Amino acid sequence: MGMKVLLLEDEKSIRDFVKINLKRHGFAVTEASTGEEALELAGLDSEIRIAILDVMLPGGSGVLPFATATS
């Protein structure tokens, strides 16, 4: 299997569409629907190499939890 990608998107239809296309191109996809869930999953899986983040989540940006965690 290919490189692991963390996909953060709150809208299931968009998340499913992106996941299908990533898998078609050989990526392994881990999904999250909230910033908190994405941070937890990223902490549990050291093989994740790429994160695709939704910047317009309910309650804030998907980038903020990762920016806070890395600073």
Protein backbone atom coordinates (compact mmCIF):
# COMPACT_ATOMS: atom_id res chain seq x y z
CA MET A 1 0.00 0.00 0.00
CA GLY A 2 1.10 3.58 -0.65
CA MET A 3 1.92 6.55 1.49
CA LYS A 4 -0.46 7.20 4.40
CA VAL A 5 -2.64 10.31 4.23
CA LEU A 6 -4.73 11.81 7.02
CA LEU A 7 -7.89 13.34 5.56
CA LEU A 8 -9.77 15.85 7.73
CA GLU A 9 -13.16 16.87 6.31
CA ASP A 10 -16.42 17.29 8.21
CA GLU A 11 -18.70 16.73 5.21
CA LYS A 12 -18.94 13.00 4.57
CA SER A 13 -19.76 13.34 0.86
CA ILE A 14 -16.64 15.43 0.23
CA ARG A 15 -14.52 13.16 2.45
CA ASP A 16 -15.71 10.09 0.54
CA PHE A 17 -15.00 11.72 -2.83
CA VAL A 18 -11.47 12.73 -1.84
CA LYS A 19 -10.80 9.33 -0.24
CA ILE A 20 -11.86 7.45 -3.38
CA ASN A 21 -9.56 9.55 -5.54
CA LEU A 22 -6.61 9.24 -3.17
CA LYS A 23 -7.04 5.47 -3.05
CA ARG A 24 -7.20 5.33 -6.85
CA HIS A 25 -3.75 6.92 -6.85
CA GLY A 26 -2.35 4.39 -4.38
CA PHE A 27 -2.58 6.27 -1.08
CA ALA A 28 -3.70 4.69 2.18
CA VAL A 29 -6.28 7.02 3.77
CA THR A 30 -7.12 7.61 7.43
CA GLU A 31 -10.26 9.72 7.87
CA ALA A 32 -11.30 12.24 10.52
CA SER A 33 -14.32 14.51 10.73
CA THR A 34 -13.09 16.86 13.50
CA GLY A 35 -9.80 18.55 14.31
CA GLU A 36 -9.63 16.74 17.65
CA GLU A 37 -10.16 13.36 16.00
CA ALA A 38 -7.48 14.13 13.41
CA LEU A 39 -4.96 15.07 16.11
CA GLU A 40 -5.69 11.88 17.99
CA LEU A 41 -5.31 9.73 14.88
CA ALA A 42 -2.10 11.52 13.88
CA GLY A 43 -0.69 10.81 17.33
CA LEU A 44 -1.57 7.12 17.09
CA ASP A 45 -0.14 6.48 13.62
CA SER A 46 3.47 7.49 13.03
CA GLU A 47 3.26 6.33 9.40
CA ILE A 48 1.00 9.25 8.33
CA ARG A 49 3.08 11.44 6.01
CA ILE A 50 0.54 13.85 4.54
CA ALA A 51 -2.43 15.66 6.08
CA ILE A 52 -5.20 17.15 3.95
CA LEU A 53 -7.05 19.59 6.18
CA ASP A 54 -10.43 21.27 5.81
CA VAL A 55 -9.95 24.97 6.55
CA MET A 56 -13.66 25.65 7.17
CA LEU A 57 -14.77 23.28 9.92
CA PRO A 58 -17.63 24.08 12.31
CA GLY A 59 -16.01 25.85 15.24
CA GLY A 60 -12.80 26.78 13.41
CA SER A 61 -10.11 25.80 10.96
CA GLY A 62 -8.69 22.30 10.63
CA VAL A 63 -5.24 23.86 10.49
CA LEU A 64 -5.37 25.43 13.96
CA PRO A 65 -5.17 22.20 16.02
CA PHE A 66 -2.10 21.10 14.03
CA ALA A 67 -0.42 24.51 14.25
CA THR A 68 -0.96 24.49 18.02
CA ALA A 69 0.30 20.92 18.37
CA THR A 70 3.53 21.59 16.48
CA SER A 71 4.46 24.88 18.14
